[in-house]
């Protein structure tokens, strides 16, 4: 897949200056696969890396489609959502407060509820009641999933600000660091 992407871009891995990766939040397996591939490519070429939030990437897609305020939410399973609130600052998704994992009913908006708030992510499919927040959110279907072209926008800006690191400092973000499973009776 990497070879195919590089071929479509008409470049070689030796011409790449930085690797941006989806640092999470999201599924544990997906984040581990992403960070492992990033580690392998970056180590092999001695490239710096920059982790970009999955939520921020979706918010950037919504902002790229005209949104000014965004609530991004991903279904975290187990009755919870990963969520973050973003505003557009010079056309870039800028986090308000912090990214959180919580029950959907625990979401508290810090955005200006008098202005339109755009919703993006799978959390709104799993918990459609979230669309009633602030008197009603507008859904951006084009920002339901993270898209690499919007991650690239955030990566360029982050790299320019000195936020890239060596591969040794690569940090996945799970938000849910511990998970306990209830045993079923008789198991």
Protein backbone atom coordinates (compact mmCIF):
# COMPACT_ATOMS: atom_id res chain seq x y z
CA UNK A 1 0.00 0.00 0.00
CA UNK A 2 2.84 2.40 0.86
CA UNK A 3 4.50 1.64 -2.47
CA UNK A 4 1.20 2.35 -4.26
CA UNK A 5 0.69 5.70 -2.50
CA UNK A 6 4.26 6.80 -3.24
CA UNK A 7 3.86 5.72 -6.86
CA UNK A 8 0.63 7.74 -7.25
CA UNK A 9 2.42 10.77 -5.78
CA UNK A 10 5.35 10.09 -8.11
CA UNK A 11 7.89 10.18 -5.27
CA UNK A 12 10.20 7.77 -3.49
CA UNK A 13 10.36 7.20 0.25
CA UNK A 14 13.83 8.78 0.22
CA UNK A 15 12.17 12.05 -0.90
CA UNK A 16 9.79 12.17 2.08
CA UNK A 17 10.67 14.74 4.78
CA UNK A 18 8.14 13.84 7.49
CA UNK A 19 5.67 11.09 8.31
CA UNK A 20 2.35 12.12 9.79
CA UNK A 21 0.37 9.41 11.52
CA UNK A 22 -3.06 9.12 13.10
CA UNK A 23 -2.15 9.02 16.80
CA UNK A 24 -5.70 8.29 17.95
CA UNK A 25 -8.04 8.24 19.66
CA UNK A 26 -9.68 5.24 18.06
CA UNK A 27 -9.57 1.48 18.13
CA UNK A 28 -6.60 0.03 19.96
CA UNK A 29 -5.74 -2.27 17.05
CA UNK A 30 -6.01 0.49 14.45
CA UNK A 31 -3.78 2.82 16.45
CA UNK A 32 -1.19 0.08 17.02
CA UNK A 33 -1.10 -0.81 13.30
CA UNK A 34 -0.71 2.85 12.34
CA UNK A 35 2.05 3.54 14.85
CA UNK A 36 3.89 0.31 13.97
CA UNK A 37 3.95 1.11 10.26
CA UNK A 38 5.04 4.67 11.04
CA UNK A 39 7.84 3.38 13.26
CA UNK A 40 9.09 1.01 10.59
CA UNK A 41 9.09 3.59 7.81
CA UNK A 42 10.53 6.39 9.94
CA UNK A 43 13.28 4.22 11.46
CA UNK A 44 14.26 2.91 8.05
CA UNK A 45 14.66 6.41 6.63
CA UNK A 46 15.60 8.35 9.82
CA UNK A 47 12.55 10.57 9.35
CA UNK A 48 10.81 12.76 11.91
CA UNK A 49 7.18 11.97 12.72
CA UNK A 50 4.17 13.95 13.82
CA UNK A 51 1.10 12.49 15.47
CA UNK A 52 -2.20 14.02 14.40
CA UNK A 53 -5.43 13.52 16.30
CA UNK A 54 -8.11 11.49 14.59
CA UNK A 55 -10.71 13.89 15.98
CA UNK A 56 -8.77 16.96 14.79
CA UNK A 57 -8.44 15.43 11.32
CA UNK A 58 -12.20 15.04 11.04
CA UNK A 59 -12.74 18.55 12.44
CA UNK A 60 -10.28 19.88 9.83
CA UNK A 61 -12.36 18.21 7.10
CA UNK A 62 -15.49 19.93 8.44
CA UNK A 63 -13.64 23.26 8.62
CA UNK A 64 -12.40 22.69 5.07
CA UNK A 65 -16.07 22.46 4.14
CA UNK A 66 -17.01 25.77 5.80
CA UNK A 67 -17.55 24.90 9.49
CA UNK A 68 -16.43 27.39 12.15
CA UNK A 69 -17.18 25.28 15.25
CA UNK A 70 -17.02 21.49 15.32
CA UNK A 71 -17.92 18.74 17.73
CA UNK A 72 -16.10 15.60 16.57
CA UNK A 73 -17.17 12.29 18.11
CA UNK A 74 -16.16 8.69 17.44
CA UNK A 75 -18.02 5.67 18.79
CA UNK A 76 -15.68 4.29 21.48
CA UNK A 77 -17.88 1.25 22.12
CA UNK A 78 -18.81 0.17 25.65
CA UNK A 79 -21.39 3.00 25.84
CA UNK A 80 -18.82 5.77 25.33
CA UNK A 81 -17.58 8.23 22.73
CA UNK A 82 -14.22 9.84 22.06
CA UNK A 83 -14.92 13.51 21.51
CA UNK A 84 -13.32 16.89 21.10
CA UNK A 85 -14.47 20.43 20.37
CA UNK A 86 -12.73 22.55 17.75
CA UNK A 87 -12.89 26.04 16.36
CA UNK A 88 -11.45 27.35 13.13
CA UNK A 89 -8.42 29.60 13.72
CA UNK A 90 -6.99 30.84 10.44
CA UNK A 91 -8.65 27.86 8.73
CA UNK A 92 -7.13 25.26 11.06
CA UNK A 93 -8.93 22.99 13.52
CA UNK A 94 -7.92 24.20 16.97
CA UNK A 95 -8.82 22.14 20.03
CA UNK A 96 -10.97 23.76 22.71
CA UNK A 97 -10.21 22.20 26.12
CA UNK A 98 -9.12 18.56 25.66
CA UNK A 99 -10.06 15.32 23.93
CA UNK A 100 -12.18 13.10 26.16
CA UNK A 101 -13.68 9.63 26.36
CA UNK A 102 -16.99 9.60 28.22
CA UNK A 103 -20.58 8.50 28.14
CA UNK A 104 -22.46 10.48 25.49
CA UNK A 105 -24.65 12.17 28.10
CA UNK A 106 -21.53 13.55 29.81
CA UNK A 107 -20.61 15.80 26.86
CA UNK A 108 -20.62 19.45 27.93
CA UNK A 109 -20.21 22.01 25.16
CA UNK A 110 -17.73 24.86 25.48
CA UNK A 111 -18.51 26.13 22.00
CA UNK A 112 -20.70 29.16 21.31
CA UNK A 113 -24.16 27.62 21.23
CA UNK A 114 -25.63 30.76 19.64
CA UNK A 115 -23.66 29.99 16.45
CA UNK A 116 -23.88 26.92 14.23
CA UNK A 117 -22.00 23.88 15.51
CA UNK A 118 -21.06 21.19 13.01
CA UNK A 119 -21.05 17.51 14.00
CA UNK A 120 -18.68 14.97 12.48
CA UNK A 121 -17.72 11.38 13.17
CA UNK A 122 -19.27 8.00 13.81
CA UNK A 123 -20.32 8.95 17.33
CA UNK A 124 -23.43 10.61 15.91
CA UNK A 125 -24.50 7.43 14.13
CA UNK A 126 -24.10 5.43 17.33
CA UNK A 127 -25.71 8.10 19.53
CA UNK A 128 -28.07 10.19 17.38
CA UNK A 129 -29.38 11.95 20.51
CA UNK A 130 -26.11 13.94 20.47
CA UNK A 131 -27.41 15.85 17.45
CA UNK A 132 -29.89 17.59 19.77
CA UNK A 133 -27.09 19.33 21.70
CA UNK A 134 -27.19 23.14 21.55
CA UNK A 135 -30.66 23.03 20.02
CA UNK A 136 -29.45 20.98 17.04
CA UNK A 137 -26.15 20.30 15.33
CA UNK A 138 -25.49 20.30 11.59
CA UNK A 139 -23.89 17.09 10.33
CA UNK A 140 -20.95 17.14 7.93
CA UNK A 141 -21.11 13.70 6.27
CA UNK A 142 -17.87 14.46 4.38
CA UNK A 143 -16.06 14.44 7.73
CA UNK A 144 -17.42 11.17 9.14
CA UNK A 145 -14.02 9.46 8.92
CA UNK A 146 -10.45 10.80 9.05
CA UNK A 147 -9.03 11.74 5.63
CA UNK A 148 -5.26 11.92 5.03
CA UNK A 149 -5.49 15.12 2.99
CA UNK A 150 -6.88 16.95 6.03
CA UNK A 151 -4.32 15.29 8.30
CA UNK A 152 -1.62 16.65 5.96
CA UNK A 153 -2.89 20.21 6.49
CA UNK A 154 -2.51 19.84 10.27
CA UNK A 155 0.84 18.02 9.92
CA UNK A 156 2.35 20.81 7.79
CA UNK A 157 1.32 23.43 10.34
CA UNK A 158 2.49 21.32 13.29
CA UNK A 159 5.83 20.64 11.64
CA UNK A 160 6.29 24.36 10.93
CA UNK A 161 5.62 25.00 14.63
CA UNK A 162 8.28 22.45 15.64
CA UNK A 163 5.86 19.81 16.90
CA UNK A 164 7.39 16.89 15.00
CA UNK A 165 9.56 14.44 16.95
CA UNK A 166 11.96 11.60 16.42
CA UNK A 167 10.39 8.18 15.96
CA UNK A 168 11.57 7.31 19.48
CA UNK A 169 9.10 9.86 20.84
CA UNK A 170 6.13 8.55 18.85
CA UNK A 171 3.09 8.50 21.14
CA UNK A 172 -0.22 6.83 20.42
CA UNK A 173 -3.21 8.32 22.23
CA UNK A 174 -5.84 5.92 23.48
CA UNK A 175 -7.75 8.16 25.97
CA UNK A 176 -9.04 4.95 27.52
CA UNK A 177 -5.86 3.61 29.07
CA UNK A 178 -7.46 0.83 31.04
CA UNK A 179 -10.31 -1.41 30.08
CA UNK A 180 -11.95 -3.90 32.38
CA UNK A 181 -14.14 -6.63 31.07
CA UNK A 182 -16.87 -8.20 33.11
CA UNK A 183 -16.70 -11.95 33.07
CA UNK A 184 -19.85 -13.68 31.96
CA UNK A 185 -21.37 -16.10 34.46
CA UNK A 186 -19.76 -19.53 34.16
CA UNK A 187 -16.74 -18.25 32.21
